[in-house]
Amino acid sequence: MNDAAIASRRQWGRWAWAGWVPELANAVIVAIPVLLAIAFVVDPYSDEEVRASIVDTYGVSSLDLFVAGAFASLGIAVALVTSVASRTRRRRRLAYLQVLLLLVAMGSLALQHHRLFERMGRVSKSSGGP
């Protein structure tokens, strides 16, 4: 074990087994926006579902975008603090990768949300809606 690993274990004292909890929490914070973005890559709603209920389609997409944005903001803040506070180049690179991953996930989710908005306009016009 190197000196950094020993110092890290001493920092936790009796709770040395809990040293992985911050990394696990950070992984969950990153996973939520990424998984939501992956879920919306394929159109989740058919034209009939969009025609039937705007609330059940666009409302859900809006809520997903909001939740993912909140978690992505938290994840970016954690990554920036980590990059400033870390002493190793590997952790800084991992923090920058986390920021990039979250930005790509949010961009993808926002694009899918916009596409759903455009599709709703086309479907509602073709069905004789407002």
N, C-alpha and C. Protein backbone atom coordinates (compact mmCIF):
# COMPACT_ATOMS: atom_id res chain seq x y z
N MET A 1 0.85 -1.18 0.00
CA MET A 1 0.00 0.00 0.00
C MET A 1 0.89 1.24 0.00
N ASN A 2 0.55 2.23 -0.81
CA ASN A 2 1.35 3.44 -0.84
C ASN A 2 0.94 4.40 0.29
N ASP A 3 1.71 5.47 0.45
CA ASP A 3 1.47 6.40 1.55
C ASP A 3 0.11 7.09 1.45
N ALA A 4 -0.32 7.40 0.23
CA ALA A 4 -1.61 8.07 0.05
C ALA A 4 -2.75 7.16 0.49
N ALA A 5 -2.67 5.87 0.17
CA ALA A 5 -3.72 4.94 0.55
C ALA A 5 -3.76 4.76 2.07
N ILE A 6 -2.58 4.71 2.71
CA ILE A 6 -2.53 4.58 4.17
C ILE A 6 -3.09 5.82 4.83
N ALA A 7 -2.74 7.00 4.32
CA ALA A 7 -3.26 8.25 4.88
C ALA A 7 -4.76 8.33 4.70
N SER A 8 -5.25 7.85 3.57
CA SER A 8 -6.69 7.87 3.33
C SER A 8 -7.42 6.97 4.31
N ARG A 9 -6.85 5.83 4.61
CA ARG A 9 -7.48 4.91 5.57
C ARG A 9 -7.44 5.50 6.97
N ARG A 10 -6.35 6.19 7.34
CA ARG A 10 -6.26 6.81 8.65
C ARG A 10 -7.29 7.92 8.80
N GLN A 11 -7.57 8.60 7.72
CA GLN A 11 -8.52 9.71 7.76
C GLN A 11 -9.89 9.23 8.23
N TRP A 12 -10.28 8.03 7.87
CA TRP A 12 -11.57 7.51 8.24
C TRP A 12 -11.56 6.83 9.61
N GLY A 13 -10.41 6.49 10.13
CA GLY A 13 -10.32 5.88 11.45
C GLY A 13 -11.06 4.56 11.51
N ARG A 14 -11.98 4.45 12.49
CA ARG A 14 -12.75 3.22 12.65
C ARG A 14 -13.65 2.96 11.46
N TRP A 15 -13.96 3.98 10.72
CA TRP A 15 -14.88 3.87 9.60
C TRP A 15 -14.13 3.67 8.29
N ALA A 16 -12.97 3.03 8.32
CA ALA A 16 -12.16 2.83 7.13
C ALA A 16 -12.92 2.08 6.03
N TRP A 17 -13.84 1.23 6.43
CA TRP A 17 -14.62 0.49 5.44
C TRP A 17 -15.52 1.43 4.64
N ALA A 18 -15.81 2.64 5.16
CA ALA A 18 -16.72 3.57 4.49
C ALA A 18 -15.99 4.50 3.54
N GLY A 19 -14.71 4.26 3.29
CA GLY A 19 -13.95 5.13 2.40
C GLY A 19 -14.46 5.14 0.97
N TRP A 20 -15.21 4.14 0.56
CA TRP A 20 -15.73 4.06 -0.79
C TRP A 20 -17.08 4.73 -0.94
N VAL A 21 -17.71 5.16 0.14
CA VAL A 21 -19.05 5.76 0.08
C VAL A 21 -19.09 7.04 -0.77
N PRO A 22 -18.13 7.98 -0.63
CA PRO A 22 -18.19 9.17 -1.50
C PRO A 22 -18.09 8.83 -2.98
N GLU A 23 -17.26 7.86 -3.34
CA GLU A 23 -17.16 7.47 -4.74
C GLU A 23 -18.45 6.83 -5.24
N LEU A 24 -19.09 6.04 -4.38
CA LEU A 24 -20.36 5.43 -4.75
C LEU A 24 -21.44 6.49 -4.93
N ALA A 25 -21.49 7.45 -4.02
CA ALA A 25 -22.47 8.54 -4.15
C ALA A 25 -22.23 9.33 -5.42
N ASN A 26 -20.98 9.60 -5.73
CA ASN A 26 -20.65 10.32 -6.96
C ASN A 26 -21.05 9.51 -8.19
N ALA A 27 -20.85 8.22 -8.16
CA ALA A 27 -21.24 7.37 -9.29
C ALA A 27 -22.75 7.39 -9.50
N VAL A 28 -23.51 7.39 -8.42
CA VAL A 28 -24.97 7.46 -8.54
C VAL A 28 -25.40 8.80 -9.10
N ILE A 29 -24.75 9.88 -8.66
CA ILE A 29 -25.06 11.22 -9.16
C ILE A 29 -24.80 11.30 -10.66
N VAL A 30 -23.76 10.67 -11.13
CA VAL A 30 -23.43 10.68 -12.55
C VAL A 30 -24.35 9.73 -13.32
N ALA A 31 -24.70 8.60 -12.74
CA ALA A 31 -25.48 7.58 -13.45
C ALA A 31 -26.89 8.04 -13.78
N ILE A 32 -27.51 8.84 -12.92
CA ILE A 32 -28.91 9.21 -13.15
C ILE A 32 -29.08 10.01 -14.44
N PRO A 33 -28.35 11.11 -14.68
CA PRO A 33 -28.53 11.81 -15.97
C PRO A 33 -28.10 10.97 -17.17
N VAL A 34 -27.06 10.18 -17.01
CA VAL A 34 -26.59 9.36 -18.13
C VAL A 34 -27.64 8.31 -18.50
N LEU A 35 -28.21 7.65 -17.52
CA LEU A 35 -29.23 6.64 -17.80
C LEU A 35 -30.50 7.26 -18.39
N LEU A 36 -30.88 8.44 -17.90
CA LEU A 36 -32.04 9.12 -18.49
C LEU A 36 -31.77 9.49 -19.94
N ALA A 37 -30.57 9.95 -20.23
CA ALA A 37 -30.23 10.30 -21.61
C ALA A 37 -30.25 9.07 -22.50
N ILE A 38 -29.74 7.96 -22.01
CA ILE A 38 -29.76 6.72 -22.79
C ILE A 38 -31.19 6.26 -23.03
N ALA A 39 -32.05 6.41 -22.03
CA ALA A 39 -33.44 5.97 -22.16
C ALA A 39 -34.19 6.77 -23.22
N PHE A 40 -33.81 8.02 -23.42
CA PHE A 40 -34.53 8.86 -24.37
C PHE A 40 -33.87 8.92 -25.75
N VAL A 41 -32.82 8.14 -25.98
CA VAL A 41 -32.19 8.13 -27.30
C VAL A 41 -33.17 7.57 -28.33
N VAL A 42 -33.88 6.54 -27.98
CA VAL A 42 -34.92 5.98 -28.84
C VAL A 42 -36.22 6.68 -28.47
N ASP A 43 -37.03 7.04 -29.46
CA ASP A 43 -38.30 7.71 -29.18
C ASP A 43 -39.14 6.84 -28.25
N PRO A 44 -39.38 7.31 -27.03
CA PRO A 44 -40.10 6.47 -26.07
C PRO A 44 -41.61 6.46 -26.29
N TYR A 45 -42.13 7.39 -27.10
CA TYR A 45 -43.58 7.49 -27.27
C TYR A 45 -43.95 7.36 -28.74
N SER A 46 -45.03 6.64 -29.00
CA SER A 46 -45.54 6.54 -30.36
C SER A 46 -46.39 7.78 -30.66
N ASP A 47 -46.72 7.97 -31.93
CA ASP A 47 -47.55 9.12 -32.30
C ASP A 47 -48.92 9.05 -31.64
N GLU A 48 -49.46 7.87 -31.49
CA GLU A 48 -50.77 7.72 -30.84
C GLU A 48 -50.70 8.15 -29.38
N GLU A 49 -49.62 7.79 -28.69
CA GLU A 49 -49.47 8.20 -27.29
C GLU A 49 -49.32 9.71 -27.17
N VAL A 50 -48.60 10.31 -28.10
CA VAL A 50 -48.43 11.77 -28.08
C VAL A 50 -49.76 12.44 -28.34
N ARG A 51 -50.53 11.93 -29.32
CA ARG A 51 -51.85 12.50 -29.61
C ARG A 51 -52.80 12.35 -28.43
N ALA A 52 -52.72 11.22 -27.74
CA ALA A 52 -53.66 10.93 -26.66
C ALA A 52 -53.47 11.83 -25.45
N SER A 53 -52.22 12.09 -25.09
CA SER A 53 -52.02 12.87 -23.86
C SER A 53 -50.69 13.61 -23.89
N ILE A 54 -50.79 14.92 -23.86
CA ILE A 54 -49.58 15.75 -23.79
C ILE A 54 -48.96 15.64 -22.40
N VAL A 55 -49.79 15.56 -21.39
CA VAL A 55 -49.29 15.51 -20.01
C VAL A 55 -48.48 14.25 -19.77
N ASP A 56 -48.94 13.13 -20.30
CA ASP A 56 -48.25 11.86 -20.07
C ASP A 56 -46.99 11.71 -20.91
N THR A 57 -46.80 12.55 -21.92
CA THR A 57 -45.60 12.44 -22.75
C THR A 57 -44.67 13.62 -22.53
N TYR A 58 -45.12 14.81 -22.88
CA TYR A 58 -44.25 15.97 -22.76
C TYR A 58 -43.99 16.33 -21.29
N GLY A 59 -44.98 16.14 -20.45
CA GLY A 59 -44.81 16.42 -19.02
C GLY A 59 -43.76 15.52 -18.39
N VAL A 60 -43.79 14.26 -18.75
CA VAL A 60 -42.81 13.30 -18.23
C VAL A 60 -41.41 13.65 -18.75
N SER A 61 -41.33 14.01 -20.02
CA SER A 61 -40.05 14.39 -20.60
C SER A 61 -39.49 15.65 -19.92
N SER A 62 -40.37 16.61 -19.62
CA SER A 62 -39.94 17.82 -18.94
C SER A 62 -39.43 17.53 -17.53
N LEU A 63 -40.16 16.67 -16.83
CA LEU A 63 -39.74 16.30 -15.48
C LEU A 63 -38.40 15.55 -15.50
N ASP A 64 -38.24 14.66 -16.47
CA ASP A 64 -36.96 13.94 -16.60
C ASP A 64 -35.82 14.91 -16.89
N LEU A 65 -36.07 15.88 -17.75
CA LEU A 65 -35.05 16.88 -18.06
C LEU A 65 -34.68 17.69 -16.82
N PHE A 66 -35.68 18.05 -16.02
CA PHE A 66 -35.43 18.81 -14.79
C PHE A 66 -34.62 18.00 -13.79
N VAL A 67 -35.02 16.75 -13.57
CA VAL A 67 -34.32 15.89 -12.60
C VAL A 67 -32.88 15.64 -13.06
N ALA A 68 -32.72 15.33 -14.34
CA ALA A 68 -31.37 15.10 -14.87
C ALA A 68 -30.53 16.36 -14.76
N GLY A 69 -31.13 17.52 -15.02
CA GLY A 69 -30.40 18.78 -14.89
C GLY A 69 -29.95 19.05 -13.46
N ALA A 70 -30.81 18.73 -12.51
CA ALA A 70 -30.45 18.92 -11.10
C ALA A 70 -29.28 18.01 -10.71
N PHE A 71 -29.38 16.74 -11.09
CA PHE A 71 -28.29 15.82 -10.77
C PHE A 71 -27.02 16.14 -11.54
N ALA A 72 -27.15 16.58 -12.79
CA ALA A 72 -25.97 16.95 -13.57
C ALA A 72 -25.29 18.17 -12.97
N SER A 73 -26.08 19.14 -12.51
CA SER A 73 -25.49 20.32 -11.86
C SER A 73 -24.73 19.92 -10.61
N LEU A 74 -25.34 19.06 -9.82
CA LEU A 74 -24.67 18.57 -8.61
C LEU A 74 -23.40 17.80 -8.97
N GLY A 75 -23.48 16.95 -9.98
CA GLY A 75 -22.32 16.18 -10.41
C GLY A 75 -21.20 17.05 -10.94
N ILE A 76 -21.54 18.10 -11.68
CA ILE A 76 -20.52 19.02 -12.19
C ILE A 76 -19.88 19.78 -11.04
N ALA A 77 -20.68 20.20 -10.07
CA ALA A 77 -20.13 20.90 -8.91
C ALA A 77 -19.18 19.99 -8.14
N VAL A 78 -19.57 18.75 -7.93
CA VAL A 78 -18.70 17.79 -7.23
C VAL A 78 -17.41 17.58 -8.01
N ALA A 79 -17.53 17.46 -9.33
CA ALA A 79 -16.34 17.24 -10.16
C ALA A 79 -15.40 18.43 -10.11
N LEU A 80 -15.94 19.64 -10.14
CA LEU A 80 -15.09 20.83 -10.08
C LEU A 80 -14.38 20.95 -8.73
N VAL A 81 -15.11 20.66 -7.67
CA VAL A 81 -14.47 20.67 -6.34
C VAL A 81 -13.40 19.59 -6.26
N THR A 82 -13.69 18.42 -6.81
CA THR A 82 -12.72 17.33 -6.81
C THR A 82 -11.48 17.70 -7.61
N SER A 83 -11.68 18.34 -8.76
CA SER A 83 -10.52 18.68 -9.59
C SER A 83 -9.64 19.72 -8.91
N VAL A 84 -10.25 20.63 -8.17
CA VAL A 84 -9.46 21.65 -7.46
C VAL A 84 -8.77 21.05 -6.24
N ALA A 85 -9.47 20.18 -5.54
CA ALA A 85 -8.94 19.64 -4.28
C ALA A 85 -8.03 18.42 -4.46
N SER A 86 -8.05 17.79 -5.61
CA SER A 86 -7.27 16.57 -5.76
C SER A 86 -5.78 16.87 -5.93
N ARG A 87 -5.01 15.92 -5.50
CA ARG A 87 -3.55 16.06 -5.59
C ARG A 87 -2.97 15.23 -6.72
N THR A 88 -3.77 14.35 -7.27
CA THR A 88 -3.25 13.48 -8.31
C THR A 88 -3.83 13.86 -9.67
N ARG A 89 -3.04 13.64 -10.68
CA ARG A 89 -3.47 13.94 -12.04
C ARG A 89 -4.60 13.02 -12.47
N ARG A 90 -4.57 11.78 -12.00
CA ARG A 90 -5.61 10.81 -12.37
C ARG A 90 -6.98 11.26 -11.89
N ARG A 91 -7.07 11.74 -10.66
CA ARG A 91 -8.36 12.21 -10.14
C ARG A 91 -8.85 13.45 -10.87
N ARG A 92 -7.93 14.35 -11.22
CA ARG A 92 -8.32 15.54 -11.98
C ARG A 92 -8.85 15.15 -13.35
N ARG A 93 -8.19 14.22 -14.01
CA ARG A 93 -8.66 13.77 -15.33
C ARG A 93 -10.02 13.09 -15.22
N LEU A 94 -10.20 12.32 -14.17
CA LEU A 94 -11.49 11.67 -13.95
C LEU A 94 -12.59 12.71 -13.71
N ALA A 95 -12.27 13.76 -12.98
CA ALA A 95 -13.24 14.83 -12.74
C ALA A 95 -13.60 15.54 -14.04
N TYR A 96 -12.60 15.80 -14.89
CA TYR A 96 -12.88 16.44 -16.18
C TYR A 96 -13.71 15.52 -17.07
N LEU A 97 -13.43 14.22 -17.02
CA LEU A 97 -14.21 13.26 -17.78
C LEU A 97 -15.66 13.24 -17.29
N GLN A 98 -15.84 13.35 -15.99
CA GLN A 98 -17.18 13.39 -15.41
C GLN A 98 -17.95 14.61 -15.91
N VAL A 99 -17.30 15.76 -15.93
CA VAL A 99 -17.95 16.98 -16.43
C VAL A 99 -18.34 16.80 -17.90
N LEU A 100 -17.44 16.27 -18.70
CA LEU A 100 -17.72 16.06 -20.11
C LEU A 100 -18.88 15.08 -20.31
N LEU A 101 -18.87 14.00 -19.57
CA LEU A 101 -19.94 13.00 -19.67
C LEU A 101 -21.29 13.60 -19.30
N LEU A 102 -21.33 14.39 -18.24
CA LEU A 102 -22.59 15.00 -17.82
C LEU A 102 -23.07 16.04 -18.83
N LEU A 103 -22.16 16.81 -19.39
CA LEU A 103 -22.56 17.79 -20.40
C LEU A 103 -23.10 17.11 -21.66
N VAL A 104 -22.47 16.03 -22.08
CA VAL A 104 -22.95 15.28 -23.25
C VAL A 104 -24.32 14.67 -22.95
N ALA A 105 -24.49 14.10 -21.76
CA ALA A 105 -25.78 13.51 -21.39
C ALA A 105 -26.88 14.57 -21.37
N MET A 106 -26.59 15.73 -20.81
CA MET A 106 -27.61 16.79 -20.77
C MET A 106 -27.90 17.34 -22.16
N GLY A 107 -26.88 17.46 -22.99
CA GLY A 107 -27.11 17.90 -24.36
C GLY A 107 -27.99 16.92 -25.12
N SER A 108 -27.71 15.65 -24.95
CA SER A 108 -28.50 14.61 -25.61
C SER A 108 -29.95 14.63 -25.11
N LEU A 109 -30.12 14.76 -23.81
CA LEU A 109 -31.46 14.78 -23.24
C LEU A 109 -32.24 16.02 -23.69
N ALA A 110 -31.57 17.16 -23.74
CA ALA A 110 -32.23 18.39 -24.20
C ALA A 110 -32.60 18.28 -25.68
N LEU A 111 -31.74 17.67 -26.49
CA LEU A 111 -32.05 17.48 -27.90
C LEU A 111 -33.26 16.57 -28.08
N GLN A 112 -33.31 15.48 -27.34
CA GLN A 112 -34.45 14.58 -27.43
C GLN A 112 -35.74 15.25 -26.97
N HIS A 113 -35.64 16.09 -25.95
CA HIS A 113 -36.80 16.83 -25.46
C HIS A 113 -37.30 17.80 -26.54
N HIS A 114 -36.37 18.46 -27.21
CA HIS A 114 -36.73 19.38 -28.29
C HIS A 114 -37.36 18.61 -29.46
N ARG A 115 -36.82 17.47 -29.80
CA ARG A 115 -37.40 16.66 -30.87
C ARG A 115 -38.82 16.21 -30.54
N LEU A 116 -39.05 15.86 -29.26
CA LEU A 116 -40.40 15.48 -28.84
C LEU A 116 -41.33 16.68 -28.97
N PHE A 117 -40.87 17.87 -28.64
CA PHE A 117 -41.67 19.08 -28.77
C PHE A 117 -42.05 19.32 -30.24
N GLU A 118 -41.09 19.18 -31.15
CA GLU A 118 -41.38 19.36 -32.57
C GLU A 118 -42.35 18.28 -33.07
N ARG A 119 -42.15 17.06 -32.63
CA ARG A 119 -43.02 15.97 -33.05
C ARG A 119 -44.44 16.18 -32.54
N MET A 120 -44.57 16.72 -31.34
CA MET A 120 -45.90 17.01 -30.81
C MET A 120 -46.61 18.04 -31.68
N GLY A 121 -45.86 19.04 -32.15
CA GLY A 121 -46.46 20.03 -33.02
C GLY A 121 -46.93 19.42 -34.34
N ARG A 122 -46.14 18.56 -34.92
CA ARG A 122 -46.54 17.90 -36.17
C ARG A 122 -47.74 16.98 -35.97
N VAL A 123 -47.71 16.21 -34.90
CA VAL A 123 -48.80 15.24 -34.66
C VAL A 123 -50.09 15.97 -34.37
N SER A 124 -50.04 17.03 -33.57
CA SER A 124 -51.28 17.72 -33.21
C SER A 124 -51.84 18.45 -34.43
N LYS A 125 -51.01 18.95 -35.34
CA LYS A 125 -51.52 19.59 -36.56
C LYS A 125 -52.12 18.58 -37.51
N SER A 126 -51.50 17.41 -37.61
CA SER A 126 -52.00 16.40 -38.54
C SER A 126 -53.28 15.75 -38.03
N SER A 127 -53.51 15.80 -36.72
CA SER A 127 -54.72 15.19 -36.18
C SER A 127 -55.86 16.19 -36.07
N GLY A 128 -55.63 17.43 -36.51
CA GLY A 128 -56.68 18.42 -36.45
C GLY A 128 -56.77 19.11 -35.10
N GLY A 129 -55.72 18.96 -34.30
CA GLY A 129 -55.70 19.60 -32.99
C GLY A 129 -55.36 21.07 -33.09
N PRO A 130 -55.19 21.76 -31.96
CA PRO A 130 -54.89 23.21 -31.97
C PRO A 130 -53.59 23.56 -32.62
